[in-house]
């Protein structure tokens, strides 16, 4: 039972991100940007993959559920922020 709970916590952000991307691509969810709406799913996908990897590593090391979720969330958010600032910096220097 504990394995199933931890597995669902680890995989649920990725599943919801894939569901969100599918809804946007099929047109069931419209964010007002036309075909550019799918670009919202890219940072979510990066975040959910980083969360999954970090959470599994913390789970493997034997951390508690709450601590694993908190640390994985902070690490994933930091990764997305650093990537976003890096991309903006590259675009700013390029143009």
N, C-alpha and C. Protein backbone atom coordinates (compact mmCIF):
# COMPACT_ATOMS: atom_id res chain seq x y z
N UNK A 1 0.82 -1.19 0.00
CA UNK A 1 0.00 0.00 0.00
C UNK A 1 0.87 1.25 0.00
N UNK A 2 1.93 1.24 0.81
CA UNK A 2 2.81 2.41 0.87
C UNK A 2 3.51 2.64 -0.47
N UNK A 3 3.88 1.54 -1.14
CA UNK A 3 4.53 1.66 -2.44
C UNK A 3 3.61 2.31 -3.45
N UNK A 4 2.35 1.90 -3.47
CA UNK A 4 1.39 2.47 -4.41
C UNK A 4 1.18 3.95 -4.15
N UNK A 5 1.07 4.32 -2.89
CA UNK A 5 0.89 5.73 -2.53
C UNK A 5 2.08 6.57 -2.99
N UNK A 6 3.27 6.12 -2.70
CA UNK A 6 4.46 6.89 -3.09
C UNK A 6 4.63 6.91 -4.60
N UNK A 7 4.29 5.82 -5.27
CA UNK A 7 4.38 5.79 -6.73
C UNK A 7 3.40 6.78 -7.35
N UNK A 8 2.18 6.84 -6.84
CA UNK A 8 1.20 7.79 -7.36
C UNK A 8 1.62 9.24 -7.11
N UNK A 9 2.22 9.51 -5.97
CA UNK A 9 2.71 10.85 -5.69
C UNK A 9 3.83 11.20 -6.66
N UNK A 10 4.67 10.26 -6.99
CA UNK A 10 5.79 10.51 -7.89
C UNK A 10 5.34 10.74 -9.33
N UNK A 11 4.35 10.02 -9.78
CA UNK A 11 3.96 10.02 -11.19
C UNK A 11 2.82 10.99 -11.49
N UNK A 12 2.05 11.39 -10.51
CA UNK A 12 0.86 12.21 -10.77
C UNK A 12 1.15 13.54 -11.45
N UNK A 13 2.22 14.30 -11.12
CA UNK A 13 2.45 15.53 -11.87
C UNK A 13 2.71 15.28 -13.36
N UNK A 14 3.42 14.22 -13.67
CA UNK A 14 3.67 13.90 -15.08
C UNK A 14 2.38 13.51 -15.79
N UNK A 15 1.54 12.73 -15.15
CA UNK A 15 0.27 12.34 -15.76
C UNK A 15 -0.63 13.54 -15.99
N UNK A 16 -0.71 14.44 -15.02
CA UNK A 16 -1.53 15.64 -15.18
C UNK A 16 -0.97 16.57 -16.25
N UNK A 17 0.35 16.63 -16.38
CA UNK A 17 0.95 17.44 -17.43
C UNK A 17 0.63 16.87 -18.80
N UNK A 18 0.73 15.57 -18.95
CA UNK A 18 0.38 14.95 -20.23
C UNK A 18 -1.09 15.13 -20.55
N UNK A 19 -1.95 15.03 -19.55
CA UNK A 19 -3.37 15.28 -19.75
C UNK A 19 -3.62 16.72 -20.18
N UNK A 20 -2.96 17.67 -19.53
CA UNK A 20 -3.08 19.08 -19.88
C UNK A 20 -2.63 19.32 -21.32
N UNK A 21 -1.48 18.76 -21.70
CA UNK A 21 -0.98 18.93 -23.07
C UNK A 21 -1.94 18.34 -24.08
N UNK A 22 -2.50 17.18 -23.78
CA UNK A 22 -3.45 16.56 -24.70
C UNK A 22 -4.70 17.41 -24.85
N UNK A 23 -5.21 17.94 -23.74
CA UNK A 23 -6.40 18.79 -23.81
C UNK A 23 -6.15 20.05 -24.62
N UNK A 24 -4.98 20.62 -24.48
CA UNK A 24 -4.64 21.82 -25.25
C UNK A 24 -4.49 21.49 -26.73
N UNK A 25 -3.81 20.38 -27.05
CA UNK A 25 -3.59 20.02 -28.45
C UNK A 25 -4.88 19.65 -29.16
N UNK A 26 -5.80 19.02 -28.44
CA UNK A 26 -7.06 18.62 -29.06
C UNK A 26 -8.06 19.77 -29.14
N UNK A 27 -7.77 20.87 -28.48
CA UNK A 27 -8.66 22.02 -28.54
C UNK A 27 -9.75 22.04 -27.49
N UNK A 28 -9.73 21.09 -26.56
CA UNK A 28 -10.73 21.07 -25.50
C UNK A 28 -10.45 22.14 -24.45
N UNK A 29 -9.21 22.59 -24.38
CA UNK A 29 -8.80 23.62 -23.43
C UNK A 29 -8.16 24.74 -24.23
N UNK A 30 -8.76 25.92 -24.17
CA UNK A 30 -8.27 27.06 -24.94
C UNK A 30 -7.79 28.13 -23.98
N UNK A 31 -6.51 28.49 -24.08
CA UNK A 31 -5.95 29.53 -23.22
C UNK A 31 -5.89 30.88 -23.91
N UNK A 32 -6.40 30.98 -25.12
CA UNK A 32 -6.47 32.24 -25.83
C UNK A 32 -5.26 32.58 -26.67
N UNK A 33 -4.31 31.70 -26.79
CA UNK A 33 -3.10 31.98 -27.56
C UNK A 33 -3.04 31.26 -28.89
N UNK A 34 -4.11 30.63 -29.28
CA UNK A 34 -4.10 29.88 -30.53
C UNK A 34 -3.24 28.64 -30.41
N UNK A 35 -2.42 28.41 -31.43
CA UNK A 35 -1.57 27.21 -31.42
C UNK A 35 -0.35 27.39 -30.53
N UNK A 36 -0.16 28.57 -29.97
CA UNK A 36 0.96 28.80 -29.05
C UNK A 36 0.65 28.31 -27.65
N UNK A 37 -0.56 27.88 -27.39
CA UNK A 37 -0.95 27.40 -26.06
C UNK A 37 -0.12 26.20 -25.61
N UNK A 38 0.34 25.40 -26.56
CA UNK A 38 1.09 24.21 -26.19
C UNK A 38 2.42 24.56 -25.53
N UNK A 39 2.92 25.77 -25.77
CA UNK A 39 4.19 26.18 -25.16
C UNK A 39 4.07 26.33 -23.65
N UNK A 40 2.87 26.40 -23.12
CA UNK A 40 2.67 26.43 -21.68
C UNK A 40 3.01 25.07 -21.07
N UNK A 41 2.82 24.02 -21.85
CA UNK A 41 3.06 22.67 -21.33
C UNK A 41 4.54 22.32 -21.25
N UNK A 42 5.39 23.03 -21.97
CA UNK A 42 6.82 22.68 -21.95
C UNK A 42 7.44 22.91 -20.58
N UNK A 43 7.27 24.09 -19.94
CA UNK A 43 7.83 24.23 -18.58
C UNK A 43 7.18 23.27 -17.58
N UNK A 44 5.91 22.97 -17.76
CA UNK A 44 5.25 22.01 -16.88
C UNK A 44 5.85 20.61 -17.05
N UNK A 45 6.18 20.25 -18.27
CA UNK A 45 6.79 18.95 -18.53
C UNK A 45 8.19 18.88 -17.91
N UNK A 46 8.96 19.95 -18.05
CA UNK A 46 10.30 19.98 -17.44
C UNK A 46 10.18 19.88 -15.92
N UNK A 47 9.23 20.63 -15.36
CA UNK A 47 9.04 20.61 -13.90
C UNK A 47 8.64 19.21 -13.44
N UNK A 48 7.70 18.58 -14.12
CA UNK A 48 7.22 17.28 -13.67
C UNK A 48 8.30 16.20 -13.82
N UNK A 49 9.12 16.27 -14.86
CA UNK A 49 10.21 15.31 -14.99
C UNK A 49 11.27 15.52 -13.92
N UNK A 50 11.60 16.78 -13.62
CA UNK A 50 12.56 17.06 -12.56
C UNK A 50 12.02 16.60 -11.21
N UNK A 51 10.73 16.84 -10.97
CA UNK A 51 10.10 16.38 -9.73
C UNK A 51 10.16 14.87 -9.61
N UNK A 52 9.84 14.18 -10.70
CA UNK A 52 9.86 12.72 -10.69
C UNK A 52 11.25 12.18 -10.37
N UNK A 53 12.25 12.70 -11.04
CA UNK A 53 13.62 12.21 -10.82
C UNK A 53 14.08 12.50 -9.39
N UNK A 54 13.86 13.73 -8.93
CA UNK A 54 14.29 14.10 -7.58
C UNK A 54 13.53 13.30 -6.52
N UNK A 55 12.24 13.13 -6.73
CA UNK A 55 11.43 12.38 -5.77
C UNK A 55 11.87 10.92 -5.68
N UNK A 56 12.15 10.31 -6.83
CA UNK A 56 12.58 8.91 -6.82
C UNK A 56 13.93 8.76 -6.13
N UNK A 57 14.84 9.71 -6.35
CA UNK A 57 16.13 9.66 -5.67
C UNK A 57 15.95 9.79 -4.16
N UNK A 58 15.10 10.71 -3.72
CA UNK A 58 14.85 10.88 -2.29
C UNK A 58 14.14 9.66 -1.70
N UNK A 59 13.25 9.06 -2.47
CA UNK A 59 12.55 7.85 -2.03
C UNK A 59 13.55 6.71 -1.87
N UNK A 60 14.45 6.59 -2.82
CA UNK A 60 15.46 5.53 -2.78
C UNK A 60 16.38 5.70 -1.57
N UNK A 61 16.63 6.95 -1.17
CA UNK A 61 17.48 7.21 0.00
C UNK A 61 16.73 7.08 1.32
N UNK A 62 15.43 6.85 1.28
CA UNK A 62 14.67 6.58 2.48
C UNK A 62 14.10 7.79 3.19
N UNK A 63 13.93 8.88 2.50
CA UNK A 63 13.35 10.08 3.11
C UNK A 63 11.85 9.90 3.31
N UNK A 64 11.29 10.69 4.22
CA UNK A 64 9.85 10.64 4.49
C UNK A 64 9.08 11.23 3.31
N UNK A 65 7.81 10.90 3.23
CA UNK A 65 6.96 11.32 2.12
C UNK A 65 6.87 12.84 2.03
N UNK A 66 6.54 13.49 3.12
CA UNK A 66 6.38 14.95 3.11
C UNK A 66 7.67 15.67 2.77
N UNK A 67 8.76 15.22 3.35
CA UNK A 67 10.06 15.83 3.07
C UNK A 67 10.46 15.60 1.62
N UNK A 68 10.17 14.43 1.08
CA UNK A 68 10.50 14.15 -0.32
C UNK A 68 9.73 15.06 -1.26
N UNK A 69 8.45 15.24 -0.98
CA UNK A 69 7.63 16.10 -1.83
C UNK A 69 8.12 17.54 -1.76
N UNK A 70 8.42 18.03 -0.56
CA UNK A 70 8.87 19.41 -0.40
C UNK A 70 10.20 19.66 -1.10
N UNK A 71 11.15 18.78 -0.89
CA UNK A 71 12.47 18.97 -1.51
C UNK A 71 12.38 18.83 -3.03
N UNK A 72 11.64 17.85 -3.51
CA UNK A 72 11.51 17.65 -4.95
C UNK A 72 10.81 18.84 -5.60
N UNK A 73 9.83 19.42 -4.93
CA UNK A 73 9.13 20.59 -5.47
C UNK A 73 10.06 21.79 -5.56
N UNK A 74 10.84 22.01 -4.53
CA UNK A 74 11.77 23.14 -4.53
C UNK A 74 12.85 22.96 -5.60
N UNK A 75 13.39 21.76 -5.71
CA UNK A 75 14.43 21.50 -6.71
C UNK A 75 13.87 21.66 -8.12
N UNK A 76 12.69 21.12 -8.38
CA UNK A 76 12.10 21.22 -9.71
C UNK A 76 11.78 22.67 -10.06
N UNK A 77 11.24 23.42 -9.11
CA UNK A 77 10.93 24.83 -9.36
C UNK A 77 12.21 25.63 -9.61
N UNK A 78 13.24 25.36 -8.82
CA UNK A 78 14.51 26.04 -9.04
C UNK A 78 15.10 25.73 -10.40
N UNK A 79 15.00 24.48 -10.83
CA UNK A 79 15.51 24.09 -12.14
C UNK A 79 14.78 24.82 -13.26
N UNK A 80 13.46 24.90 -13.16
CA UNK A 80 12.68 25.59 -14.19
C UNK A 80 13.01 27.08 -14.20
N UNK A 81 13.17 27.68 -13.03
CA UNK A 81 13.52 29.10 -12.97
C UNK A 81 14.90 29.37 -13.56
N UNK A 82 15.86 28.53 -13.23
CA UNK A 82 17.21 28.71 -13.78
C UNK A 82 17.20 28.52 -15.29
N UNK A 83 16.48 27.54 -15.77
CA UNK A 83 16.38 27.32 -17.22
C UNK A 83 15.71 28.51 -17.90
N UNK A 84 14.66 29.04 -17.29
CA UNK A 84 13.94 30.18 -17.88
C UNK A 84 14.83 31.42 -17.93
N UNK A 85 15.52 31.70 -16.84
CA UNK A 85 16.42 32.86 -16.82
C UNK A 85 17.57 32.66 -17.80
N UNK A 86 18.07 31.43 -17.90
CA UNK A 86 19.13 31.15 -18.87
C UNK A 86 18.68 31.36 -20.30
N UNK A 87 17.49 30.88 -20.62
CA UNK A 87 16.96 31.06 -21.98
C UNK A 87 16.73 32.53 -22.26
N UNK A 88 16.18 33.27 -21.31
CA UNK A 88 15.98 34.70 -21.52
C UNK A 88 17.31 35.45 -21.67
N UNK A 89 18.31 35.04 -20.89
CA UNK A 89 19.62 35.66 -21.01
C UNK A 89 20.24 35.41 -22.38
N UNK A 90 20.12 34.18 -22.86
CA UNK A 90 20.65 33.85 -24.18
C UNK A 90 19.93 34.65 -25.26
N UNK A 91 18.61 34.72 -25.17
CA UNK A 91 17.85 35.50 -26.15
C UNK A 91 18.17 36.98 -26.09
N UNK A 92 18.39 37.50 -24.88
CA UNK A 92 18.73 38.91 -24.71
C UNK A 92 20.10 39.20 -25.32
N UNK A 93 21.07 38.33 -25.09
CA UNK A 93 22.40 38.54 -25.64
C UNK A 93 22.45 38.29 -27.14
N UNK A 94 21.60 37.38 -27.61
CA UNK A 94 21.58 37.05 -29.04
C UNK A 94 21.01 38.21 -29.85
N UNK A 95 19.95 38.82 -29.34
CA UNK A 95 19.25 39.87 -30.10
C UNK A 95 19.78 41.18 -29.75
